[in-house]
N, C-alpha and C. Protein backbone atom coordinates (compact mmCIF):
# COMPACT_ATOMS: atom_id res chain seq x y z
N MET A 1 50.31 -4.22 23.33
CA MET A 1 49.22 -4.72 24.18
C MET A 1 48.15 -3.65 24.43
N ILE A 2 48.66 -2.46 24.76
CA ILE A 2 47.73 -1.37 25.05
C ILE A 2 46.93 -1.02 23.75
N ASN A 3 47.66 -0.97 22.59
CA ASN A 3 47.04 -0.68 21.36
C ASN A 3 45.90 -1.73 21.04
N ALA A 4 46.17 -2.99 21.32
CA ALA A 4 45.15 -4.02 21.07
C ALA A 4 43.94 -3.83 21.95
N ILE A 5 44.18 -3.43 23.21
CA ILE A 5 43.00 -3.17 24.13
C ILE A 5 42.21 -1.93 23.67
N TYR A 6 42.98 -0.90 23.29
CA TYR A 6 42.36 0.33 22.75
C TYR A 6 41.55 0.05 21.52
N HIS A 7 42.07 -0.78 20.60
CA HIS A 7 41.40 -1.14 19.38
C HIS A 7 40.11 -1.87 19.74
N LYS A 8 40.12 -2.84 20.63
CA LYS A 8 38.95 -3.55 21.01
C LYS A 8 37.86 -2.70 21.63
N ILE A 9 38.32 -1.74 22.45
CA ILE A 9 37.37 -0.77 23.05
C ILE A 9 36.66 0.02 21.92
N ARG A 10 37.49 0.47 20.97
CA ARG A 10 36.92 1.31 19.86
C ARG A 10 35.88 0.47 19.07
N ILE A 11 36.20 -0.77 18.81
CA ILE A 11 35.30 -1.60 18.08
C ILE A 11 34.03 -1.84 18.85
N GLY A 12 34.18 -2.05 20.23
CA GLY A 12 33.00 -2.21 21.03
C GLY A 12 32.07 -1.02 21.06
N ILE A 13 32.70 0.20 21.13
CA ILE A 13 31.93 1.41 21.11
C ILE A 13 31.21 1.58 19.78
N MET A 14 31.85 1.25 18.67
CA MET A 14 31.26 1.37 17.38
C MET A 14 30.08 0.38 17.25
N ILE A 15 30.22 -0.80 17.77
CA ILE A 15 29.09 -1.78 17.72
C ILE A 15 27.95 -1.31 18.56
N ILE A 16 28.12 -0.77 19.75
CA ILE A 16 27.07 -0.23 20.65
C ILE A 16 26.42 0.91 19.87
N PHE A 17 27.18 1.78 19.27
CA PHE A 17 26.56 2.96 18.51
C PHE A 17 25.70 2.42 17.38
N ILE A 18 26.13 1.49 16.58
CA ILE A 18 25.36 0.96 15.47
C ILE A 18 24.09 0.30 16.00
N LEU A 19 24.24 -0.51 17.05
CA LEU A 19 23.02 -1.15 17.60
C LEU A 19 22.05 -0.16 18.13
N SER A 20 22.51 0.95 18.74
CA SER A 20 21.62 1.95 19.27
C SER A 20 20.87 2.65 18.10
N LEU A 21 21.54 2.94 17.03
CA LEU A 21 20.89 3.48 15.88
C LEU A 21 19.75 2.58 15.36
N PHE A 22 20.04 1.27 15.29
CA PHE A 22 19.07 0.28 14.79
C PHE A 22 17.89 0.30 15.77
N THR A 23 18.15 0.26 17.04
CA THR A 23 17.13 0.21 18.05
C THR A 23 16.32 1.46 18.04
N CYS A 24 16.92 2.60 17.90
CA CYS A 24 16.12 3.87 17.94
C CYS A 24 15.25 3.97 16.74
N SER A 25 15.55 3.39 15.62
CA SER A 25 14.69 3.47 14.46
C SER A 25 13.63 2.45 14.52
N GLY A 26 13.58 1.64 15.52
CA GLY A 26 12.58 0.60 15.68
C GLY A 26 12.91 -0.63 14.87
N GLY A 27 14.08 -0.65 14.23
CA GLY A 27 14.46 -1.76 13.42
C GLY A 27 13.65 -1.88 12.12
N ARG A 28 12.94 -0.89 11.72
CA ARG A 28 12.13 -0.94 10.56
C ARG A 28 12.61 0.00 9.51
N PRO A 29 12.40 -0.32 8.26
CA PRO A 29 12.80 0.62 7.23
C PRO A 29 11.85 1.83 7.12
N GLU A 30 12.25 2.89 6.52
CA GLU A 30 11.38 4.06 6.40
C GLU A 30 10.16 3.81 5.54
N GLN A 31 10.21 2.79 4.67
CA GLN A 31 9.07 2.42 3.97
C GLN A 31 9.01 0.89 3.72
N PHE A 32 7.77 0.42 3.46
CA PHE A 32 7.61 -1.00 3.12
C PHE A 32 6.76 -1.03 1.88
N ILE A 33 7.32 -1.49 0.79
CA ILE A 33 6.69 -1.55 -0.52
C ILE A 33 5.80 -2.81 -0.59
N LEU A 34 4.49 -2.56 -0.72
CA LEU A 34 3.61 -3.66 -0.93
C LEU A 34 3.70 -4.13 -2.36
N SER A 35 3.86 -3.23 -3.32
CA SER A 35 4.13 -3.61 -4.70
C SER A 35 4.45 -2.36 -5.50
N ASP A 36 5.40 -2.53 -6.44
CA ASP A 36 5.64 -1.44 -7.38
C ASP A 36 5.69 -1.97 -8.79
N PHE A 37 5.26 -3.26 -9.00
CA PHE A 37 4.95 -3.82 -10.30
C PHE A 37 6.08 -3.74 -11.35
N GLU A 38 7.22 -4.19 -10.90
CA GLU A 38 8.39 -4.19 -11.77
C GLU A 38 8.58 -5.45 -12.63
N SER A 39 7.83 -6.50 -12.25
CA SER A 39 8.02 -7.77 -13.02
C SER A 39 6.70 -8.56 -12.91
N ASP A 40 6.65 -9.63 -13.76
CA ASP A 40 5.47 -10.48 -13.67
C ASP A 40 5.31 -11.11 -12.36
N ALA A 41 6.38 -11.33 -11.62
CA ALA A 41 6.30 -11.92 -10.24
C ALA A 41 5.45 -11.04 -9.30
N ASP A 42 5.41 -9.73 -9.57
CA ASP A 42 4.61 -8.76 -8.79
C ASP A 42 3.05 -9.03 -9.05
N LEU A 43 2.77 -9.65 -10.14
CA LEU A 43 1.37 -9.97 -10.42
C LEU A 43 0.83 -11.00 -9.43
N ASP A 44 1.75 -11.78 -8.89
CA ASP A 44 1.40 -12.82 -7.92
C ASP A 44 1.00 -12.22 -6.58
N LYS A 45 1.32 -10.92 -6.39
CA LYS A 45 1.05 -10.22 -5.15
C LYS A 45 -0.34 -9.55 -5.05
N VAL A 46 -1.07 -9.71 -6.17
CA VAL A 46 -2.41 -9.15 -6.24
C VAL A 46 -3.41 -10.21 -6.60
N GLN A 47 -4.54 -10.11 -6.06
CA GLN A 47 -5.67 -11.05 -6.40
C GLN A 47 -6.69 -10.24 -7.18
N TRP A 48 -7.07 -10.77 -8.28
CA TRP A 48 -8.04 -10.06 -9.12
C TRP A 48 -9.48 -10.28 -8.64
N GLN A 49 -10.32 -9.36 -8.89
CA GLN A 49 -11.72 -9.47 -8.67
C GLN A 49 -12.32 -9.65 -10.00
N CYS A 50 -13.57 -10.24 -10.01
CA CYS A 50 -14.28 -10.44 -11.31
C CYS A 50 -14.37 -9.05 -12.07
N HIS A 51 -14.29 -9.25 -13.38
CA HIS A 51 -14.51 -8.11 -14.31
C HIS A 51 -13.29 -7.08 -14.17
N THR A 52 -12.10 -7.61 -13.89
CA THR A 52 -10.89 -6.84 -13.83
C THR A 52 -9.79 -7.57 -14.61
N LEU A 53 -9.19 -6.85 -15.49
CA LEU A 53 -7.94 -7.36 -16.11
C LEU A 53 -6.77 -6.57 -15.70
N PHE A 54 -5.57 -7.12 -15.53
CA PHE A 54 -4.43 -6.34 -15.16
C PHE A 54 -3.21 -6.97 -15.80
N SER A 55 -2.22 -6.08 -16.04
CA SER A 55 -0.95 -6.52 -16.59
C SER A 55 0.14 -5.44 -16.27
N ILE A 56 1.39 -5.85 -16.40
CA ILE A 56 2.48 -4.93 -16.24
C ILE A 56 2.57 -3.99 -17.42
N ALA A 57 2.74 -2.74 -17.17
CA ALA A 57 2.81 -1.72 -18.27
C ALA A 57 4.09 -0.91 -18.15
N ASP A 58 4.60 -0.51 -19.26
CA ASP A 58 5.81 0.33 -19.33
C ASP A 58 5.53 1.80 -19.35
N GLU A 59 4.38 2.17 -18.84
CA GLU A 59 3.98 3.58 -18.88
C GLU A 59 3.43 4.01 -17.54
N ASN A 60 3.52 5.32 -17.25
CA ASN A 60 2.94 5.93 -16.05
C ASN A 60 3.48 5.38 -14.78
N ALA A 61 4.78 4.97 -14.79
CA ALA A 61 5.40 4.51 -13.58
C ALA A 61 5.99 5.71 -12.81
N THR A 62 5.87 5.64 -11.47
CA THR A 62 6.42 6.69 -10.58
C THR A 62 7.60 6.16 -9.78
N HIS A 63 7.72 4.84 -9.72
CA HIS A 63 8.83 4.25 -9.01
C HIS A 63 9.32 3.01 -9.82
N GLY A 64 10.55 3.09 -10.30
CA GLY A 64 10.98 2.00 -11.11
C GLY A 64 10.60 2.32 -12.55
N HIS A 65 10.40 1.21 -13.40
CA HIS A 65 10.18 1.37 -14.78
C HIS A 65 8.77 1.02 -15.22
N SER A 66 7.99 0.33 -14.36
CA SER A 66 6.71 -0.25 -14.72
C SER A 66 5.66 0.14 -13.80
N SER A 67 4.39 -0.03 -14.16
CA SER A 67 3.24 0.18 -13.40
C SER A 67 2.29 -1.01 -13.67
N LEU A 68 1.15 -1.04 -12.98
CA LEU A 68 0.10 -1.99 -13.20
C LEU A 68 -1.01 -1.37 -13.96
N ARG A 69 -1.34 -1.89 -15.13
CA ARG A 69 -2.45 -1.42 -15.92
C ARG A 69 -3.65 -2.19 -15.52
N LEU A 70 -4.69 -1.49 -15.06
CA LEU A 70 -5.95 -2.15 -14.65
C LEU A 70 -7.05 -1.73 -15.65
N GLU A 71 -7.75 -2.74 -16.09
CA GLU A 71 -8.96 -2.47 -16.87
C GLU A 71 -10.16 -2.97 -16.11
N LEU A 72 -10.99 -2.03 -15.70
CA LEU A 72 -12.13 -2.29 -14.86
C LEU A 72 -13.44 -2.22 -15.68
N TYR A 73 -14.19 -3.29 -15.75
CA TYR A 73 -15.38 -3.42 -16.55
C TYR A 73 -16.63 -3.14 -15.65
N PRO A 74 -17.74 -2.75 -16.33
CA PRO A 74 -18.98 -2.52 -15.63
C PRO A 74 -19.34 -3.80 -14.88
N SER A 75 -19.53 -3.68 -13.57
CA SER A 75 -19.99 -4.74 -12.72
C SER A 75 -20.13 -4.14 -11.28
N ALA A 76 -20.33 -5.02 -10.35
CA ALA A 76 -20.56 -4.56 -9.02
C ALA A 76 -19.31 -3.88 -8.38
N TYR A 77 -18.21 -4.63 -8.24
CA TYR A 77 -17.01 -4.01 -7.60
C TYR A 77 -15.73 -4.50 -8.23
N PRO A 78 -15.44 -4.14 -9.50
CA PRO A 78 -14.14 -4.63 -10.07
C PRO A 78 -12.95 -3.95 -9.43
N GLY A 79 -11.89 -4.70 -9.23
CA GLY A 79 -10.64 -4.16 -8.63
C GLY A 79 -9.69 -5.23 -8.26
N ILE A 80 -8.84 -4.97 -7.31
CA ILE A 80 -7.78 -5.88 -6.92
C ILE A 80 -7.60 -5.86 -5.42
N ALA A 81 -7.06 -6.99 -4.91
CA ALA A 81 -6.75 -7.08 -3.51
C ALA A 81 -5.26 -7.39 -3.35
N PHE A 82 -4.64 -6.84 -2.35
CA PHE A 82 -3.13 -7.09 -2.28
C PHE A 82 -2.85 -8.18 -1.29
N GLU A 83 -1.88 -9.04 -1.68
CA GLU A 83 -1.36 -10.00 -0.74
C GLU A 83 -0.56 -9.17 0.31
N LEU A 84 -0.70 -9.45 1.56
CA LEU A 84 -0.08 -8.59 2.60
C LEU A 84 0.95 -9.44 3.39
N PRO A 85 2.19 -9.31 2.97
CA PRO A 85 3.22 -10.00 3.69
C PRO A 85 3.50 -9.36 5.05
N LEU A 86 3.05 -8.16 5.32
CA LEU A 86 3.20 -7.43 6.56
C LEU A 86 1.77 -7.05 7.05
N ARG A 87 1.42 -7.70 8.19
CA ARG A 87 0.07 -7.45 8.76
C ARG A 87 0.05 -6.36 9.81
N ASP A 88 1.27 -6.09 10.45
CA ASP A 88 1.38 -5.16 11.51
C ASP A 88 1.90 -3.81 10.89
N TRP A 89 1.02 -2.87 10.77
CA TRP A 89 1.34 -1.56 10.16
C TRP A 89 1.66 -0.47 11.12
N ARG A 90 1.78 -0.83 12.50
CA ARG A 90 1.96 0.18 13.49
C ARG A 90 3.26 1.05 13.38
N SER A 91 4.27 0.57 12.76
CA SER A 91 5.45 1.27 12.61
C SER A 91 5.41 2.35 11.50
N TYR A 92 4.30 2.42 10.82
CA TYR A 92 4.20 3.36 9.66
C TYR A 92 3.09 4.38 9.87
N ASN A 93 3.17 5.50 9.20
CA ASN A 93 2.20 6.56 9.31
C ASN A 93 1.28 6.75 8.15
N MET A 94 1.65 6.19 7.02
CA MET A 94 0.89 6.53 5.76
C MET A 94 0.86 5.32 4.80
N LEU A 95 -0.33 5.13 4.17
CA LEU A 95 -0.42 4.26 3.04
C LEU A 95 -0.38 5.17 1.79
N SER A 96 0.53 4.91 0.92
CA SER A 96 0.69 5.73 -0.26
C SER A 96 0.58 4.91 -1.54
N LEU A 97 -0.12 5.47 -2.59
CA LEU A 97 -0.20 4.82 -3.83
C LEU A 97 -0.34 5.90 -4.91
N ASP A 98 0.17 5.56 -6.09
CA ASP A 98 0.08 6.56 -7.23
C ASP A 98 -0.77 5.87 -8.27
N ILE A 99 -1.74 6.70 -8.77
CA ILE A 99 -2.69 6.19 -9.76
C ILE A 99 -2.82 7.22 -10.86
N TYR A 100 -2.58 6.72 -12.02
CA TYR A 100 -2.72 7.55 -13.27
C TYR A 100 -4.12 7.30 -13.86
N ASN A 101 -4.88 8.32 -14.09
CA ASN A 101 -6.22 8.24 -14.70
C ASN A 101 -6.14 8.83 -16.07
N PRO A 102 -6.14 7.95 -17.15
CA PRO A 102 -6.07 8.43 -18.55
C PRO A 102 -7.37 8.93 -19.06
N GLN A 103 -8.53 8.76 -18.38
CA GLN A 103 -9.78 9.16 -18.81
C GLN A 103 -9.78 10.73 -18.84
N GLY A 104 -10.62 11.31 -19.61
CA GLY A 104 -10.69 12.79 -19.67
C GLY A 104 -11.61 13.38 -18.57
N GLU A 105 -11.97 12.54 -17.61
CA GLU A 105 -12.91 13.04 -16.60
C GLU A 105 -12.51 12.38 -15.22
N GLU A 106 -13.04 12.99 -14.17
CA GLU A 106 -12.77 12.44 -12.81
C GLU A 106 -13.52 11.14 -12.67
N ILE A 107 -12.99 10.25 -11.95
CA ILE A 107 -13.63 8.95 -11.60
C ILE A 107 -13.43 8.74 -10.10
N SER A 108 -14.27 7.86 -9.59
CA SER A 108 -14.16 7.58 -8.14
C SER A 108 -13.57 6.19 -7.98
N LEU A 109 -12.66 6.06 -7.03
CA LEU A 109 -11.99 4.80 -6.68
C LEU A 109 -12.07 4.62 -5.21
N ALA A 110 -12.34 3.39 -4.77
CA ALA A 110 -12.43 3.18 -3.30
C ALA A 110 -11.25 2.31 -2.81
N VAL A 111 -10.86 2.52 -1.53
CA VAL A 111 -9.87 1.81 -0.89
C VAL A 111 -10.54 1.21 0.36
N ARG A 112 -10.42 -0.13 0.48
CA ARG A 112 -10.96 -0.88 1.63
C ARG A 112 -9.82 -1.50 2.42
N ILE A 113 -9.85 -1.41 3.75
CA ILE A 113 -8.86 -2.05 4.61
C ILE A 113 -9.62 -2.75 5.80
N ASP A 114 -9.34 -4.02 5.92
CA ASP A 114 -9.94 -4.84 6.95
C ASP A 114 -8.93 -5.21 8.01
N ASP A 115 -9.35 -5.14 9.30
CA ASP A 115 -8.43 -5.51 10.40
C ASP A 115 -8.93 -6.76 11.07
N ARG A 116 -9.80 -7.52 10.39
CA ARG A 116 -10.33 -8.75 10.93
C ARG A 116 -10.21 -9.82 9.90
N LYS A 117 -9.91 -11.05 10.34
CA LYS A 117 -9.67 -12.13 9.38
C LYS A 117 -10.96 -12.50 8.65
N GLU A 118 -12.05 -12.60 9.32
CA GLU A 118 -13.32 -12.79 8.66
C GLU A 118 -13.66 -11.55 7.85
N PHE A 119 -14.50 -11.71 6.97
CA PHE A 119 -14.87 -10.54 6.08
C PHE A 119 -15.86 -9.72 6.82
N PRO A 120 -15.47 -8.56 7.36
CA PRO A 120 -16.42 -7.78 8.15
C PRO A 120 -17.46 -7.10 7.24
N GLN A 121 -18.57 -6.76 7.86
CA GLN A 121 -19.65 -6.06 7.20
C GLN A 121 -19.15 -4.58 6.86
N PHE A 122 -19.87 -3.93 5.94
CA PHE A 122 -19.47 -2.63 5.46
C PHE A 122 -19.21 -1.64 6.65
N ASP A 123 -19.99 -1.64 7.64
CA ASP A 123 -19.87 -0.62 8.70
C ASP A 123 -18.81 -1.00 9.71
N ASP A 124 -18.13 -2.19 9.54
CA ASP A 124 -17.07 -2.58 10.43
C ASP A 124 -15.71 -2.75 9.73
N ARG A 125 -15.48 -1.95 8.75
CA ARG A 125 -14.17 -1.90 8.06
C ARG A 125 -13.95 -0.49 7.55
N TYR A 126 -12.77 -0.18 7.21
CA TYR A 126 -12.44 1.10 6.57
C TYR A 126 -12.69 1.04 5.09
N THR A 127 -13.54 1.93 4.59
CA THR A 127 -13.81 2.10 3.18
C THR A 127 -13.94 3.55 2.86
N GLU A 128 -13.15 4.00 1.98
CA GLU A 128 -13.17 5.45 1.64
C GLU A 128 -13.10 5.61 0.08
N SER A 129 -13.88 6.49 -0.47
CA SER A 129 -13.80 6.79 -1.90
C SER A 129 -12.92 8.00 -2.15
N PHE A 130 -12.20 7.94 -3.22
CA PHE A 130 -11.33 9.00 -3.64
C PHE A 130 -11.65 9.40 -5.09
N SER A 131 -11.66 10.68 -5.29
CA SER A 131 -11.88 11.23 -6.60
C SER A 131 -10.57 11.32 -7.31
N LEU A 132 -10.45 10.69 -8.49
CA LEU A 132 -9.20 10.70 -9.30
C LEU A 132 -9.40 11.69 -10.46
N LYS A 133 -8.62 12.71 -10.45
CA LYS A 133 -8.58 13.68 -11.48
C LYS A 133 -7.88 13.05 -12.75
N PRO A 134 -8.14 13.51 -14.02
CA PRO A 134 -7.34 13.02 -15.06
C PRO A 134 -5.85 13.31 -14.84
N GLY A 135 -5.03 12.34 -15.21
CA GLY A 135 -3.65 12.47 -15.00
C GLY A 135 -3.21 11.74 -13.72
N MET A 136 -2.00 12.12 -13.21
CA MET A 136 -1.41 11.41 -12.04
C MET A 136 -2.04 11.87 -10.70
N ASN A 137 -2.40 10.92 -9.90
CA ASN A 137 -2.96 11.18 -8.61
C ASN A 137 -2.11 10.46 -7.55
N HIS A 138 -1.70 11.15 -6.50
CA HIS A 138 -0.89 10.63 -5.46
C HIS A 138 -1.78 10.51 -4.19
N LEU A 139 -2.26 9.30 -3.92
CA LEU A 139 -3.16 9.13 -2.74
C LEU A 139 -2.29 8.88 -1.57
N ARG A 140 -2.51 9.66 -0.51
CA ARG A 140 -1.83 9.50 0.76
C ARG A 140 -2.89 9.35 1.89
N ILE A 141 -2.89 8.18 2.57
CA ILE A 141 -3.89 7.93 3.55
C ILE A 141 -3.22 7.82 4.87
N PRO A 142 -3.39 8.79 5.75
CA PRO A 142 -2.76 8.65 7.12
C PRO A 142 -3.34 7.48 7.85
N LEU A 143 -2.49 6.62 8.38
CA LEU A 143 -2.96 5.43 9.03
C LEU A 143 -3.73 5.74 10.34
N ASP A 144 -3.37 6.86 10.93
CA ASP A 144 -4.14 7.20 12.19
C ASP A 144 -5.53 7.70 11.92
N SER A 145 -5.90 7.84 10.60
CA SER A 145 -7.24 8.28 10.22
C SER A 145 -8.11 7.04 9.84
N LEU A 146 -7.53 5.84 9.92
CA LEU A 146 -8.35 4.67 9.57
C LEU A 146 -9.34 4.33 10.59
N ALA A 147 -10.56 4.44 10.28
CA ALA A 147 -11.68 4.14 11.19
C ALA A 147 -12.77 3.43 10.44
N THR A 148 -13.59 2.63 11.09
CA THR A 148 -14.64 1.92 10.44
C THR A 148 -15.72 2.88 9.90
N THR A 149 -16.37 2.51 8.86
CA THR A 149 -17.33 3.36 8.18
C THR A 149 -18.56 3.62 9.09
N GLY A 150 -19.03 2.63 9.82
CA GLY A 150 -20.26 2.69 10.63
C GLY A 150 -20.09 3.30 11.96
N THR A 151 -19.21 2.72 12.81
CA THR A 151 -19.12 3.09 14.22
C THR A 151 -18.00 4.04 14.48
N GLY A 152 -17.07 4.18 13.55
CA GLY A 152 -15.88 5.03 13.77
C GLY A 152 -14.81 4.41 14.64
N ARG A 153 -14.94 3.08 14.85
CA ARG A 153 -13.90 2.38 15.61
C ARG A 153 -12.55 2.43 14.88
N CYS A 154 -11.52 2.72 15.60
CA CYS A 154 -10.19 2.81 14.99
C CYS A 154 -9.75 1.42 14.47
N ILE A 155 -9.27 1.39 13.28
CA ILE A 155 -8.73 0.16 12.70
C ILE A 155 -7.49 -0.24 13.52
N ASN A 156 -7.48 -1.57 13.83
CA ASN A 156 -6.30 -2.11 14.58
C ASN A 156 -5.16 -2.36 13.63
N LEU A 157 -4.17 -1.41 13.65
CA LEU A 157 -3.06 -1.46 12.75
C LEU A 157 -2.16 -2.72 12.98
N LYS A 158 -2.37 -3.43 14.08
CA LYS A 158 -1.53 -4.62 14.37
C LYS A 158 -2.08 -5.83 13.56
N THR A 159 -3.34 -5.76 13.12
CA THR A 159 -3.89 -6.93 12.47
C THR A 159 -4.54 -6.57 11.13
N ILE A 160 -3.81 -6.08 10.20
CA ILE A 160 -4.34 -5.71 8.88
C ILE A 160 -4.46 -6.99 8.02
N TYR A 161 -5.64 -7.38 7.56
CA TYR A 161 -5.83 -8.68 6.85
C TYR A 161 -5.99 -8.40 5.37
N ARG A 162 -6.63 -7.32 5.00
CA ARG A 162 -6.89 -7.04 3.56
C ARG A 162 -6.77 -5.57 3.20
N CYS A 163 -6.34 -5.37 1.98
CA CYS A 163 -6.29 -4.06 1.42
C CYS A 163 -6.78 -4.22 -0.04
N LEU A 164 -7.87 -3.58 -0.37
CA LEU A 164 -8.47 -3.73 -1.67
C LEU A 164 -8.62 -2.33 -2.32
N ILE A 165 -8.52 -2.35 -3.66
CA ILE A 165 -8.71 -1.05 -4.39
C ILE A 165 -9.78 -1.49 -5.49
N PHE A 166 -10.85 -0.68 -5.56
CA PHE A 166 -11.93 -1.08 -6.43
C PHE A 166 -12.77 0.13 -6.87
N MET A 167 -13.59 -0.05 -7.85
CA MET A 167 -14.66 0.85 -8.23
C MET A 167 -16.02 0.29 -7.85
N ALA A 168 -16.89 1.15 -7.44
CA ALA A 168 -18.21 0.73 -7.13
C ALA A 168 -19.15 0.91 -8.27
N GLN A 169 -19.60 -0.16 -8.87
CA GLN A 169 -20.54 -0.13 -9.97
C GLN A 169 -20.29 0.85 -11.09
N PRO A 170 -19.10 0.72 -11.74
CA PRO A 170 -18.84 1.61 -12.87
C PRO A 170 -19.78 1.30 -14.00
N GLN A 171 -20.13 2.31 -14.70
CA GLN A 171 -21.09 2.14 -15.83
C GLN A 171 -20.44 1.91 -17.17
N LYS A 172 -19.13 2.12 -17.19
CA LYS A 172 -18.36 1.86 -18.45
C LYS A 172 -16.96 1.37 -18.14
N ASN A 173 -16.23 0.92 -19.12
CA ASN A 173 -14.89 0.44 -18.91
C ASN A 173 -14.01 1.61 -18.51
N ASN A 174 -13.11 1.35 -17.54
CA ASN A 174 -12.20 2.36 -17.06
C ASN A 174 -10.79 1.70 -17.09
N ILE A 175 -9.85 2.46 -17.41
CA ILE A 175 -8.40 2.01 -17.38
C ILE A 175 -7.72 2.93 -16.36
N LEU A 176 -6.88 2.31 -15.53
CA LEU A 176 -6.07 3.02 -14.54
C LEU A 176 -4.68 2.35 -14.47
N PHE A 177 -3.74 3.17 -14.12
CA PHE A 177 -2.33 2.64 -13.97
C PHE A 177 -1.97 2.93 -12.47
N LEU A 178 -1.59 1.85 -11.81
CA LEU A 178 -1.26 1.88 -10.38
C LEU A 178 0.23 1.57 -10.19
N ASP A 179 0.84 2.35 -9.28
CA ASP A 179 2.25 2.11 -9.00
C ASP A 179 2.60 2.53 -7.58
N TYR A 180 3.73 1.99 -7.11
CA TYR A 180 4.35 2.39 -5.86
C TYR A 180 3.43 2.38 -4.65
N VAL A 181 2.78 1.23 -4.40
CA VAL A 181 1.90 1.04 -3.26
C VAL A 181 2.77 0.72 -2.10
N HIS A 182 2.86 1.59 -1.13
CA HIS A 182 3.81 1.40 0.02
C HIS A 182 3.30 2.05 1.31
N LEU A 183 3.89 1.56 2.39
CA LEU A 183 3.67 2.18 3.69
C LEU A 183 4.91 3.07 3.97
N ALA A 184 4.66 4.24 4.42
CA ALA A 184 5.73 5.18 4.74
C ALA A 184 5.75 5.59 6.22
N ALA A 185 6.89 5.75 6.72
CA ALA A 185 7.12 6.19 8.13
C ALA A 185 6.84 7.72 8.24
């Protein structure tokens, strides 16, 4: 009888310990993968913009075996937008993505993040251009640095509605390989 009570107490203590670990971590994983392009089903997680072709590729992957091959044609803003199953980014510190640039020269790529459901004007959303060197580029965007382009208003991490990756008015075709787009703690 005493052994049974002792056993129940031990189990209760273990359950409390496990629950406290879960609670202390905020109940969230260390990362949330928006997409790592491992199958054709991942293509359903991105929305194409005009003058952009994309497909799963077996090259330049940094996570898993595949990446997304993007072909961006001369136009106003070719690129992609991500479906966002997680709109509250407050539990994370960083947006990370890996981009391979096979061109022999640097190119510019923009990241746009909207915290409003309606499509905000340029000065009321986060938009930043990044220079991509030839080869692999690991973009790391601290979420606490997200501010609107015009007023400097901090982006509301609780209500992220859109994340887009695009080029602004490229003058020639560009090919990029995108992989491991994720939020990190």
